[in-house]
């Protein structure tokens, strides 16, 4: 079981390999002092996010307006916490999906469960009561879609500022790891890998 790392100071993020990323002087936060792929001169990865976007869109089409009192799967049926890692391909899918719906500039806490944002993570997972990763994994499994490029055993644990970081800041932090990241790196971050409907 991977435990959540205590939150850093507002506006900061931390990776479990002791590589911290400054939030000063970047472009991703639209003037909020965020880190950015572009601020370091790194190319924005051109991975194909289509499968991940399709899975996220499917969740949105299955929204349950009444929150479930418990997840749709028993604890022993759920994907183990350490197996809920997600790849840069899924990060790109989230950037496309949430960007199309105006969610990137929101503080992470609002992107997670603000009623004013219709595609918030709690709403996306309302039909399952599971984490975002588990919910997407379940749809893919049911449709016979390979998830090897999207999900796998977590190799890097990530923490962030709940209110002091925009959703785009968080995604940029993952993207900034592309230069040195091995191809099989999978991130674990509670907002995507833990059931937010149970925690909210």
N, C-alpha and C. Protein backbone atom coordinates (compact mmCIF):
# COMPACT_ATOMS: atom_id res chain seq x y z
N UNK A 1 0.85 -1.20 0.00
CA UNK A 1 0.00 0.00 0.00
C UNK A 1 0.88 1.24 0.00
N UNK A 2 0.68 2.14 -0.91
CA UNK A 2 1.45 3.37 -0.99
C UNK A 2 0.74 4.44 -0.19
N UNK A 3 1.43 5.02 0.79
CA UNK A 3 0.80 6.03 1.62
C UNK A 3 1.05 7.42 1.05
N UNK A 4 0.10 8.29 1.29
CA UNK A 4 0.22 9.66 0.79
C UNK A 4 1.34 10.41 1.49
N UNK A 5 2.16 11.10 0.72
CA UNK A 5 3.23 11.92 1.27
C UNK A 5 2.63 13.23 1.77
N UNK A 6 3.06 13.73 2.94
CA UNK A 6 2.53 15.02 3.41
C UNK A 6 2.69 16.09 2.36
N UNK A 7 1.71 16.98 2.28
CA UNK A 7 1.73 18.04 1.27
C UNK A 7 2.90 18.99 1.47
N UNK A 8 3.52 19.43 0.37
CA UNK A 8 4.57 20.44 0.46
C UNK A 8 3.95 21.81 0.64
N UNK A 9 4.79 22.82 0.72
CA UNK A 9 4.26 24.17 0.82
C UNK A 9 3.49 24.51 -0.44
N UNK A 10 2.57 25.47 -0.32
CA UNK A 10 1.71 25.84 -1.45
C UNK A 10 2.54 26.12 -2.68
N UNK A 11 2.07 25.55 -3.80
CA UNK A 11 2.74 25.79 -5.06
C UNK A 11 3.88 24.86 -5.36
N UNK A 12 4.14 23.85 -4.50
CA UNK A 12 5.25 22.96 -4.73
C UNK A 12 4.80 21.54 -5.01
N UNK A 13 5.69 20.77 -5.61
CA UNK A 13 5.43 19.36 -5.84
C UNK A 13 6.68 18.60 -5.44
N UNK A 14 6.55 17.29 -5.23
CA UNK A 14 7.69 16.48 -4.83
C UNK A 14 7.55 15.09 -5.39
N UNK A 15 8.65 14.54 -5.88
CA UNK A 15 8.68 13.18 -6.38
C UNK A 15 9.47 12.32 -5.41
N UNK A 16 9.13 11.04 -5.33
CA UNK A 16 9.74 10.19 -4.32
C UNK A 16 11.22 9.89 -4.56
N UNK A 17 11.76 10.28 -5.73
CA UNK A 17 13.18 10.08 -5.97
C UNK A 17 13.99 11.30 -5.55
N UNK A 18 13.39 12.16 -4.72
CA UNK A 18 14.01 13.36 -4.16
C UNK A 18 14.26 14.44 -5.18
N UNK A 19 13.64 14.35 -6.36
CA UNK A 19 13.74 15.40 -7.36
C UNK A 19 12.59 16.37 -7.18
N UNK A 20 12.88 17.56 -6.66
CA UNK A 20 11.82 18.54 -6.48
C UNK A 20 11.80 19.47 -7.68
N UNK A 21 10.63 19.99 -8.00
CA UNK A 21 10.48 20.87 -9.15
C UNK A 21 10.01 22.23 -8.67
N UNK A 22 10.76 23.27 -8.97
CA UNK A 22 10.39 24.62 -8.56
C UNK A 22 9.18 25.09 -9.34
N UNK A 23 8.38 25.95 -8.71
CA UNK A 23 7.20 26.48 -9.39
C UNK A 23 7.42 27.92 -9.82
N UNK A 24 8.65 28.33 -9.97
CA UNK A 24 8.89 29.72 -10.33
C UNK A 24 9.25 29.86 -11.80
N UNK A 25 8.69 30.89 -12.43
CA UNK A 25 9.12 31.29 -13.74
C UNK A 25 8.63 30.49 -14.92
N UNK A 26 7.64 29.63 -14.77
CA UNK A 26 7.17 28.83 -15.88
C UNK A 26 5.98 29.44 -16.57
N UNK A 27 5.47 28.74 -17.58
CA UNK A 27 4.35 29.24 -18.35
C UNK A 27 3.06 28.49 -18.10
N UNK A 28 3.14 27.26 -17.61
CA UNK A 28 1.94 26.44 -17.56
C UNK A 28 0.86 27.02 -16.66
N UNK A 29 1.24 27.74 -15.62
CA UNK A 29 0.25 28.25 -14.69
C UNK A 29 -0.38 29.56 -15.11
N UNK A 30 -0.14 30.01 -16.34
CA UNK A 30 -0.75 31.22 -16.86
C UNK A 30 -0.52 32.41 -15.93
N UNK A 31 0.77 32.63 -15.58
CA UNK A 31 1.09 33.79 -14.75
C UNK A 31 1.06 33.51 -13.27
N UNK A 32 0.84 32.24 -12.87
CA UNK A 32 0.79 31.91 -11.45
C UNK A 32 2.14 31.45 -10.93
N UNK A 33 3.21 31.56 -11.75
CA UNK A 33 4.52 31.13 -11.29
C UNK A 33 4.67 29.63 -11.31
N UNK A 34 4.12 28.96 -12.29
CA UNK A 34 4.17 27.51 -12.33
C UNK A 34 5.34 27.02 -13.15
N UNK A 35 5.68 25.74 -12.98
CA UNK A 35 6.72 25.12 -13.78
C UNK A 35 6.12 24.76 -15.12
N UNK A 36 7.00 24.55 -16.11
CA UNK A 36 6.48 24.32 -17.46
C UNK A 36 7.45 23.51 -18.28
N UNK A 37 6.90 22.68 -19.17
CA UNK A 37 7.75 21.98 -20.15
C UNK A 37 8.50 23.02 -20.97
N UNK A 38 7.79 24.07 -21.36
CA UNK A 38 8.37 25.09 -22.22
C UNK A 38 9.39 25.95 -21.50
N UNK A 39 9.24 26.15 -20.17
CA UNK A 39 10.17 27.01 -19.46
C UNK A 39 11.56 26.41 -19.42
N UNK A 40 11.68 25.11 -19.61
CA UNK A 40 12.99 24.46 -19.61
C UNK A 40 13.46 24.17 -21.03
N UNK A 41 12.70 24.59 -22.02
CA UNK A 41 13.07 24.32 -23.39
C UNK A 41 12.85 22.88 -23.80
N UNK A 42 12.01 22.15 -23.04
CA UNK A 42 11.75 20.75 -23.36
C UNK A 42 10.60 20.66 -24.35
N UNK A 43 10.66 19.72 -25.27
CA UNK A 43 9.54 19.55 -26.19
C UNK A 43 8.35 18.95 -25.47
N UNK A 44 7.16 19.41 -25.79
CA UNK A 44 5.96 18.81 -25.24
C UNK A 44 5.79 17.46 -25.91
N UNK A 45 5.68 16.36 -25.14
CA UNK A 45 5.61 15.04 -25.74
C UNK A 45 4.45 14.92 -26.72
N UNK A 46 4.69 14.23 -27.82
CA UNK A 46 3.66 14.09 -28.84
C UNK A 46 3.10 12.67 -28.85
N UNK A 47 2.83 12.13 -27.66
CA UNK A 47 2.28 10.79 -27.55
C UNK A 47 0.82 10.80 -28.00
N UNK A 48 0.34 9.64 -28.41
CA UNK A 48 -1.03 9.55 -28.88
C UNK A 48 -1.95 9.27 -27.69
N UNK A 49 -2.78 10.22 -27.29
CA UNK A 49 -3.61 10.05 -26.10
C UNK A 49 -4.99 9.49 -26.38
N UNK A 50 -5.30 9.16 -27.63
CA UNK A 50 -6.67 8.80 -28.00
C UNK A 50 -7.32 7.75 -27.11
N UNK A 51 -6.66 6.62 -26.79
CA UNK A 51 -7.32 5.62 -25.94
C UNK A 51 -7.70 6.18 -24.57
N UNK A 52 -6.79 6.95 -23.95
CA UNK A 52 -7.08 7.52 -22.65
C UNK A 52 -8.21 8.53 -22.69
N UNK A 53 -8.24 9.37 -23.73
CA UNK A 53 -9.31 10.35 -23.88
C UNK A 53 -10.65 9.63 -24.05
N UNK A 54 -10.65 8.55 -24.80
CA UNK A 54 -11.87 7.78 -25.00
C UNK A 54 -12.39 7.21 -23.68
N UNK A 55 -11.49 6.72 -22.84
CA UNK A 55 -11.89 6.15 -21.55
C UNK A 55 -12.47 7.24 -20.65
N UNK A 56 -11.83 8.40 -20.61
CA UNK A 56 -12.33 9.51 -19.79
C UNK A 56 -13.68 9.99 -20.30
N UNK A 57 -13.84 10.06 -21.61
CA UNK A 57 -15.11 10.49 -22.19
C UNK A 57 -16.21 9.49 -21.87
N UNK A 58 -15.87 8.21 -21.83
CA UNK A 58 -16.85 7.18 -21.49
C UNK A 58 -17.33 7.36 -20.05
N UNK A 59 -16.42 7.70 -19.16
CA UNK A 59 -16.82 7.94 -17.77
C UNK A 59 -17.79 9.11 -17.68
N UNK A 60 -17.52 10.16 -18.45
CA UNK A 60 -18.39 11.33 -18.42
C UNK A 60 -19.79 10.98 -18.91
N UNK A 61 -19.88 10.06 -19.85
CA UNK A 61 -21.19 9.68 -20.39
C UNK A 61 -21.96 8.77 -19.44
N UNK A 62 -21.28 8.24 -18.42
CA UNK A 62 -21.92 7.33 -17.48
C UNK A 62 -22.09 7.95 -16.10
N UNK A 63 -22.02 9.27 -16.02
CA UNK A 63 -22.11 9.97 -14.74
C UNK A 63 -23.39 9.58 -13.99
N UNK A 64 -23.22 9.33 -12.70
CA UNK A 64 -24.35 9.03 -11.81
C UNK A 64 -24.53 10.23 -10.90
N UNK A 65 -25.66 10.92 -11.01
CA UNK A 65 -25.86 12.16 -10.26
C UNK A 65 -25.98 11.91 -8.76
N UNK A 66 -26.35 10.71 -8.36
CA UNK A 66 -26.44 10.39 -6.94
C UNK A 66 -25.20 9.60 -6.53
N UNK A 67 -24.40 10.17 -5.64
CA UNK A 67 -23.15 9.55 -5.25
C UNK A 67 -23.38 8.19 -4.62
N UNK A 68 -22.58 7.19 -5.02
CA UNK A 68 -22.68 5.85 -4.45
C UNK A 68 -22.17 5.86 -3.02
N UNK A 69 -22.81 5.07 -2.17
CA UNK A 69 -22.38 5.00 -0.77
C UNK A 69 -21.13 4.15 -0.61
N UNK A 70 -20.86 3.31 -1.60
CA UNK A 70 -19.66 2.47 -1.57
C UNK A 70 -19.25 2.15 -3.00
N UNK A 71 -17.99 1.78 -3.22
CA UNK A 71 -17.54 1.45 -4.58
C UNK A 71 -18.30 0.26 -5.15
N UNK A 72 -18.30 0.14 -6.46
CA UNK A 72 -19.00 -0.95 -7.13
C UNK A 72 -18.26 -2.28 -6.99
N UNK A 73 -17.01 -2.24 -6.58
CA UNK A 73 -16.22 -3.45 -6.37
C UNK A 73 -15.87 -3.61 -4.90
N UNK A 74 -15.84 -4.85 -4.41
CA UNK A 74 -15.37 -5.10 -3.06
C UNK A 74 -13.88 -4.80 -2.99
N UNK A 75 -13.39 -4.60 -1.77
CA UNK A 75 -11.98 -4.25 -1.59
C UNK A 75 -11.06 -5.28 -2.24
N UNK A 76 -11.38 -6.57 -2.09
CA UNK A 76 -10.51 -7.60 -2.64
C UNK A 76 -10.64 -7.74 -4.16
N UNK A 77 -11.62 -7.06 -4.75
CA UNK A 77 -11.79 -7.09 -6.20
C UNK A 77 -11.13 -5.89 -6.88
N UNK A 78 -10.77 -4.90 -6.10
CA UNK A 78 -10.21 -3.68 -6.67
C UNK A 78 -8.76 -3.87 -7.10
N UNK A 79 -8.34 -3.04 -8.03
CA UNK A 79 -6.95 -3.01 -8.46
C UNK A 79 -6.11 -2.58 -7.26
N UNK A 80 -5.10 -3.36 -6.85
CA UNK A 80 -4.29 -2.98 -5.69
C UNK A 80 -3.73 -1.57 -5.85
N UNK A 81 -3.60 -0.86 -4.75
CA UNK A 81 -3.16 0.53 -4.81
C UNK A 81 -1.86 0.70 -5.58
N UNK A 82 -0.90 -0.18 -5.33
CA UNK A 82 0.40 -0.07 -5.99
C UNK A 82 0.37 -0.37 -7.47
N UNK A 83 -0.74 -0.94 -7.95
CA UNK A 83 -0.88 -1.25 -9.38
C UNK A 83 -1.62 -0.15 -10.13
N UNK A 84 -1.94 0.92 -9.44
CA UNK A 84 -2.72 2.00 -10.06
C UNK A 84 -1.85 3.11 -10.65
N UNK A 85 -0.63 2.79 -11.02
CA UNK A 85 0.23 3.79 -11.63
C UNK A 85 -0.26 4.17 -13.01
N UNK A 86 0.02 5.40 -13.44
CA UNK A 86 -0.39 5.86 -14.77
C UNK A 86 0.82 6.46 -15.48
N UNK A 87 0.80 6.34 -16.79
CA UNK A 87 1.94 6.75 -17.62
C UNK A 87 1.79 8.17 -18.15
N UNK A 88 2.83 8.61 -18.85
CA UNK A 88 2.78 9.93 -19.48
C UNK A 88 1.71 9.96 -20.57
N UNK A 89 1.43 8.82 -21.18
CA UNK A 89 0.36 8.76 -22.18
C UNK A 89 -0.98 9.14 -21.56
N UNK A 90 -1.21 8.67 -20.32
CA UNK A 90 -2.46 9.01 -19.65
C UNK A 90 -2.46 10.47 -19.21
N UNK A 91 -1.30 10.99 -18.83
CA UNK A 91 -1.19 12.41 -18.51
C UNK A 91 -1.59 13.25 -19.72
N UNK A 92 -1.10 12.88 -20.90
CA UNK A 92 -1.46 13.60 -22.11
C UNK A 92 -2.96 13.50 -22.39
N UNK A 93 -3.53 12.34 -22.12
CA UNK A 93 -4.97 12.16 -22.32
C UNK A 93 -5.75 13.08 -21.38
N UNK A 94 -5.29 13.19 -20.13
CA UNK A 94 -5.96 14.08 -19.18
C UNK A 94 -5.83 15.53 -19.61
N UNK A 95 -4.65 15.90 -20.12
CA UNK A 95 -4.47 17.27 -20.60
C UNK A 95 -5.47 17.58 -21.72
N UNK A 96 -5.62 16.68 -22.66
CA UNK A 96 -6.55 16.90 -23.76
C UNK A 96 -8.00 16.94 -23.27
N UNK A 97 -8.36 15.97 -22.45
CA UNK A 97 -9.74 15.85 -21.98
C UNK A 97 -10.15 17.05 -21.12
N UNK A 98 -9.35 17.35 -20.09
CA UNK A 98 -9.70 18.44 -19.19
C UNK A 98 -9.49 19.80 -19.85
N UNK A 99 -8.51 19.89 -20.76
CA UNK A 99 -8.28 21.14 -21.47
C UNK A 99 -9.46 21.52 -22.34
N UNK A 100 -10.07 20.54 -22.98
CA UNK A 100 -11.23 20.80 -23.83
C UNK A 100 -12.44 21.28 -23.02
N UNK A 101 -12.40 21.05 -21.71
CA UNK A 101 -13.54 21.39 -20.86
C UNK A 101 -13.23 22.51 -19.88
N UNK A 102 -12.10 23.20 -20.08
CA UNK A 102 -11.77 24.35 -19.25
C UNK A 102 -11.30 24.03 -17.85
N UNK A 103 -10.76 22.83 -17.64
CA UNK A 103 -10.37 22.45 -16.29
C UNK A 103 -8.92 22.68 -15.92
N UNK A 104 -8.07 23.00 -16.88
CA UNK A 104 -6.64 23.09 -16.60
C UNK A 104 -6.26 24.25 -15.69
N UNK A 105 -6.98 25.36 -15.77
CA UNK A 105 -6.62 26.54 -14.98
C UNK A 105 -7.20 26.49 -13.56
N UNK A 106 -7.98 25.49 -13.26
CA UNK A 106 -8.60 25.39 -11.93
C UNK A 106 -7.59 24.92 -10.89
N UNK A 107 -7.74 25.37 -9.63
CA UNK A 107 -6.95 24.76 -8.56
C UNK A 107 -7.26 23.26 -8.53
N UNK A 108 -6.31 22.45 -8.16
CA UNK A 108 -6.51 21.01 -8.18
C UNK A 108 -7.72 20.59 -7.36
N UNK A 109 -7.94 21.24 -6.23
CA UNK A 109 -9.09 20.89 -5.39
C UNK A 109 -10.40 21.08 -6.13
N UNK A 110 -10.49 22.11 -6.97
CA UNK A 110 -11.73 22.36 -7.73
C UNK A 110 -11.87 21.38 -8.89
N UNK A 111 -10.76 21.05 -9.53
CA UNK A 111 -10.81 20.06 -10.61
C UNK A 111 -11.23 18.71 -10.07
N UNK A 112 -10.98 18.50 -8.79
CA UNK A 112 -11.34 17.22 -8.17
C UNK A 112 -12.82 17.14 -7.84
N UNK A 113 -13.38 18.17 -7.19
CA UNK A 113 -14.78 18.01 -6.78
C UNK A 113 -15.63 19.28 -6.77
N UNK A 114 -15.27 20.30 -7.51
CA UNK A 114 -16.10 21.51 -7.54
C UNK A 114 -17.38 21.26 -8.35
N UNK A 115 -18.56 21.53 -7.78
CA UNK A 115 -19.83 21.36 -8.50
C UNK A 115 -19.92 22.25 -9.74
N UNK A 116 -19.17 23.35 -9.76
CA UNK A 116 -19.24 24.26 -10.90
C UNK A 116 -18.44 23.76 -12.10
N UNK A 117 -17.68 22.68 -11.92
CA UNK A 117 -16.92 22.08 -13.03
C UNK A 117 -17.52 20.71 -13.32
N UNK A 118 -18.32 20.59 -14.36
CA UNK A 118 -19.08 19.37 -14.64
C UNK A 118 -18.23 18.11 -14.86
N UNK A 119 -16.97 18.29 -15.24
CA UNK A 119 -16.11 17.13 -15.49
C UNK A 119 -15.15 16.88 -14.33
N UNK A 120 -15.52 17.32 -13.12
CA UNK A 120 -14.63 17.10 -11.98
C UNK A 120 -14.45 15.60 -11.72
N UNK A 121 -13.35 15.25 -11.08
CA UNK A 121 -12.99 13.85 -10.92
C UNK A 121 -14.01 13.07 -10.11
N UNK A 122 -14.57 13.68 -9.07
CA UNK A 122 -15.60 12.99 -8.29
C UNK A 122 -16.81 12.65 -9.16
N UNK A 123 -17.17 13.56 -10.04
CA UNK A 123 -18.33 13.32 -10.91
C UNK A 123 -17.99 12.25 -11.95
N UNK A 124 -16.78 12.30 -12.50
CA UNK A 124 -16.37 11.30 -13.48
C UNK A 124 -16.42 9.89 -12.91
N UNK A 125 -16.11 9.76 -11.63
CA UNK A 125 -16.06 8.44 -11.01
C UNK A 125 -17.30 8.12 -10.20
N UNK A 126 -18.34 8.93 -10.36
CA UNK A 126 -19.57 8.74 -9.58
C UNK A 126 -20.27 7.42 -9.88
N UNK A 127 -20.08 6.88 -11.08
CA UNK A 127 -20.75 5.63 -11.44
C UNK A 127 -20.03 4.40 -10.91
N UNK A 128 -18.80 4.59 -10.40
CA UNK A 128 -18.02 3.45 -9.91
C UNK A 128 -17.66 3.55 -8.44
N UNK A 129 -17.48 4.78 -7.94
CA UNK A 129 -17.02 4.96 -6.57
C UNK A 129 -15.55 4.61 -6.41
N UNK A 130 -14.87 4.37 -7.52
CA UNK A 130 -13.46 3.99 -7.50
C UNK A 130 -12.58 5.19 -7.85
N UNK A 131 -11.28 4.97 -7.88
CA UNK A 131 -10.37 6.03 -8.31
C UNK A 131 -10.52 6.24 -9.81
N UNK A 132 -9.97 7.36 -10.31
CA UNK A 132 -10.04 7.64 -11.74
C UNK A 132 -9.31 6.56 -12.54
N UNK A 133 -8.14 6.16 -12.07
CA UNK A 133 -7.38 5.13 -12.77
C UNK A 133 -8.15 3.82 -12.80
N UNK A 134 -8.68 3.39 -11.65
CA UNK A 134 -9.45 2.15 -11.60
C UNK A 134 -10.67 2.20 -12.51
N UNK A 135 -11.33 3.34 -12.53
CA UNK A 135 -12.53 3.49 -13.35
C UNK A 135 -12.21 3.35 -14.83
N UNK A 136 -11.13 4.00 -15.27
CA UNK A 136 -10.72 3.90 -16.67
C UNK A 136 -10.24 2.48 -16.99
N UNK A 137 -9.51 1.90 -16.06
CA UNK A 137 -9.01 0.53 -16.25
C UNK A 137 -10.18 -0.44 -16.40
N UNK A 138 -11.21 -0.26 -15.58
CA UNK A 138 -12.37 -1.15 -15.64
C UNK A 138 -13.09 -1.07 -16.97
N UNK A 139 -13.25 0.14 -17.50
CA UNK A 139 -13.89 0.31 -18.81
C UNK A 139 -13.06 -0.37 -19.89
N UNK A 140 -11.75 -0.15 -19.85
CA UNK A 140 -10.86 -0.75 -20.84
C UNK A 140 -10.91 -2.28 -20.78
N UNK A 141 -10.89 -2.81 -19.58
CA UNK A 141 -10.94 -4.27 -19.42
C UNK A 141 -12.24 -4.83 -19.96
N UNK A 142 -13.34 -4.15 -19.69
CA UNK A 142 -14.64 -4.61 -20.16
C UNK A 142 -14.77 -4.57 -21.68
N UNK A 143 -14.02 -3.70 -22.32
CA UNK A 143 -14.10 -3.56 -23.77
C UNK A 143 -12.94 -4.24 -24.50
N UNK A 144 -12.10 -4.91 -23.74
CA UNK A 144 -10.98 -5.62 -24.35
C UNK A 144 -9.89 -4.71 -24.89
N UNK A 145 -9.75 -3.52 -24.29
CA UNK A 145 -8.75 -2.55 -24.72
C UNK A 145 -7.47 -2.73 -23.91
N UNK A 146 -6.34 -2.81 -24.58
CA UNK A 146 -5.06 -2.95 -23.89
C UNK A 146 -4.74 -1.68 -23.10
N UNK A 147 -4.28 -1.85 -21.86
CA UNK A 147 -3.96 -0.70 -21.01
C UNK A 147 -2.46 -0.60 -20.70
N UNK A 148 -1.65 -1.41 -21.37
CA UNK A 148 -0.23 -1.46 -21.05
C UNK A 148 0.50 -0.13 -21.19
N UNK A 149 0.05 0.73 -22.10
CA UNK A 149 0.70 2.03 -22.28
C UNK A 149 0.11 3.09 -21.35
N UNK A 150 -0.95 2.76 -20.65
CA UNK A 150 -1.62 3.75 -19.80
C UNK A 150 -1.40 3.50 -18.31
N UNK A 151 -1.50 2.24 -17.88
CA UNK A 151 -1.47 1.92 -16.45
C UNK A 151 -0.51 0.77 -16.17
N UNK A 152 0.03 0.76 -14.93
CA UNK A 152 0.94 -0.30 -14.53
C UNK A 152 1.38 -0.11 -13.09
N UNK A 153 2.29 -0.95 -12.63
CA UNK A 153 2.78 -0.85 -11.26
C UNK A 153 3.49 0.49 -11.05
N UNK A 154 3.10 1.21 -10.00
CA UNK A 154 3.64 2.55 -9.74
C UNK A 154 5.13 2.49 -9.42
N UNK A 155 5.89 3.37 -10.04
CA UNK A 155 7.33 3.47 -9.78
C UNK A 155 7.71 4.78 -9.11
N UNK A 156 6.85 5.79 -9.20
CA UNK A 156 7.16 7.12 -8.68
C UNK A 156 5.93 7.69 -7.97
N UNK A 157 6.09 8.03 -6.70
CA UNK A 157 5.00 8.62 -5.93
C UNK A 157 5.11 10.14 -5.99
N UNK A 158 3.99 10.80 -6.16
CA UNK A 158 3.96 12.24 -6.43
C UNK A 158 3.03 12.94 -5.45
N UNK A 159 3.47 14.06 -4.89
CA UNK A 159 2.60 14.86 -4.02
C UNK A 159 2.57 16.29 -4.53
N UNK A 160 1.61 17.06 -4.09
CA UNK A 160 1.37 18.39 -4.65
C UNK A 160 0.63 19.22 -3.61
N UNK A 161 0.46 20.50 -3.91
CA UNK A 161 -0.31 21.39 -3.04
C UNK A 161 -1.76 21.35 -3.47
N UNK A 162 -2.64 20.97 -2.58
CA UNK A 162 -4.06 20.77 -2.88
C UNK A 162 -4.74 22.03 -3.37
N UNK A 163 -4.44 23.17 -2.74
CA UNK A 163 -5.09 24.42 -3.11
C UNK A 163 -4.16 25.41 -3.80
N UNK A 164 -2.86 25.27 -3.67
CA UNK A 164 -1.92 26.24 -4.22
C UNK A 164 -1.37 25.88 -5.58
N UNK A 165 -1.90 24.83 -6.20
CA UNK A 165 -1.41 24.37 -7.49
C UNK A 165 -2.57 24.17 -8.44
N UNK A 166 -2.45 24.66 -9.66
CA UNK A 166 -3.51 24.44 -10.64
C UNK A 166 -3.40 23.01 -11.19
N UNK A 167 -4.49 22.56 -11.79
CA UNK A 167 -4.50 21.22 -12.38
C UNK A 167 -3.44 21.12 -13.48
N UNK A 168 -3.26 22.20 -14.23
CA UNK A 168 -2.25 22.19 -15.28
C UNK A 168 -0.84 22.13 -14.70
N UNK A 169 -0.62 22.79 -13.55
CA UNK A 169 0.68 22.70 -12.88
C UNK A 169 1.04 21.24 -12.61
N UNK A 170 0.06 20.50 -12.09
CA UNK A 170 0.29 19.10 -11.74
C UNK A 170 0.64 18.29 -12.99
N UNK A 171 -0.12 18.48 -14.06
CA UNK A 171 0.16 17.74 -15.29
C UNK A 171 1.52 18.11 -15.87
N UNK A 172 1.88 19.40 -15.79
CA UNK A 172 3.19 19.85 -16.28
C UNK A 172 4.33 19.19 -15.51
N UNK A 173 4.14 18.97 -14.23
CA UNK A 173 5.18 18.35 -13.42
C UNK A 173 5.49 16.95 -13.93
N UNK A 174 4.44 16.20 -14.29
CA UNK A 174 4.66 14.87 -14.86
C UNK A 174 5.37 14.98 -16.21
N UNK A 175 4.95 15.93 -17.03
CA UNK A 175 5.53 16.10 -18.36
C UNK A 175 7.00 16.51 -18.28
N UNK A 176 7.36 17.28 -17.26
CA UNK A 176 8.74 17.73 -17.11
C UNK A 176 9.69 16.59 -16.77
N UNK A 177 9.14 15.44 -16.36
CA UNK A 177 9.97 14.29 -16.05
C UNK A 177 10.33 13.49 -17.30
N UNK A 178 9.73 13.83 -18.44
CA UNK A 178 9.91 13.04 -19.66
C UNK A 178 11.37 12.95 -20.08
N UNK A 179 12.14 13.99 -19.89
CA UNK A 179 13.53 14.01 -20.36
C UNK A 179 14.36 12.89 -19.76
N UNK A 180 14.17 12.63 -18.47
CA UNK A 180 14.98 11.62 -17.79
C UNK A 180 14.19 10.36 -17.43
N UNK A 181 12.92 10.31 -17.78
CA UNK A 181 12.07 9.21 -17.33
C UNK A 181 12.27 7.96 -18.18
N UNK A 182 12.36 6.79 -17.54
CA UNK A 182 12.40 5.55 -18.31
C UNK A 182 11.03 5.32 -18.95
N UNK A 183 11.02 4.53 -20.00
CA UNK A 183 9.77 4.31 -20.73
C UNK A 183 8.72 3.63 -19.87
N UNK A 184 9.16 2.86 -18.87
CA UNK A 184 8.20 2.12 -18.06
C UNK A 184 7.89 2.82 -16.74
N UNK A 185 8.10 4.13 -16.66
CA UNK A 185 7.77 4.86 -15.43
C UNK A 185 6.27 5.05 -15.33
N UNK A 186 5.72 4.74 -14.15
CA UNK A 186 4.30 4.95 -13.87
C UNK A 186 4.18 5.72 -12.56
N UNK A 187 3.39 6.78 -12.59
CA UNK A 187 3.23 7.67 -11.44
C UNK A 187 2.07 7.23 -10.54
N UNK A 188 2.20 7.52 -9.25
CA UNK A 188 1.09 7.35 -8.30
C UNK A 188 0.83 8.70 -7.66
N UNK A 189 -0.40 9.18 -7.80
CA UNK A 189 -0.80 10.47 -7.23
C UNK A 189 -2.22 10.30 -6.72
N UNK A 190 -2.47 10.66 -5.46
CA UNK A 190 -3.74 10.30 -4.83
C UNK A 190 -4.97 10.84 -5.54
N UNK A 191 -4.89 12.00 -6.16
CA UNK A 191 -6.08 12.57 -6.80
C UNK A 191 -6.56 11.69 -7.95
N UNK A 192 -5.66 10.91 -8.54
CA UNK A 192 -6.02 10.02 -9.65
C UNK A 192 -6.08 8.55 -9.23
N UNK A 193 -5.38 8.18 -8.17
CA UNK A 193 -5.22 6.77 -7.81
C UNK A 193 -5.99 6.34 -6.57
N UNK A 194 -6.57 7.27 -5.84
CA UNK A 194 -7.41 6.95 -4.68
C UNK A 194 -8.84 7.39 -4.97
N UNK A 195 -9.80 6.71 -4.36
CA UNK A 195 -11.20 7.05 -4.60
C UNK A 195 -11.54 8.39 -3.96
N UNK A 196 -11.71 9.41 -4.76
CA UNK A 196 -12.00 10.75 -4.24
C UNK A 196 -13.43 10.85 -3.70
N UNK A 197 -14.33 10.01 -4.19
CA UNK A 197 -15.69 10.02 -3.65
C UNK A 197 -15.73 9.48 -2.23
N UNK A 198 -14.83 8.57 -1.89
CA UNK A 198 -14.75 8.06 -0.53
C UNK A 198 -14.05 9.05 0.39
N UNK A 199 -13.11 9.82 -0.17
CA UNK A 199 -12.33 10.76 0.64
C UNK A 199 -13.00 12.11 0.79
N UNK A 200 -13.88 12.47 -0.15
CA UNK A 200 -14.50 13.80 -0.15
C UNK A 200 -15.43 13.98 1.04
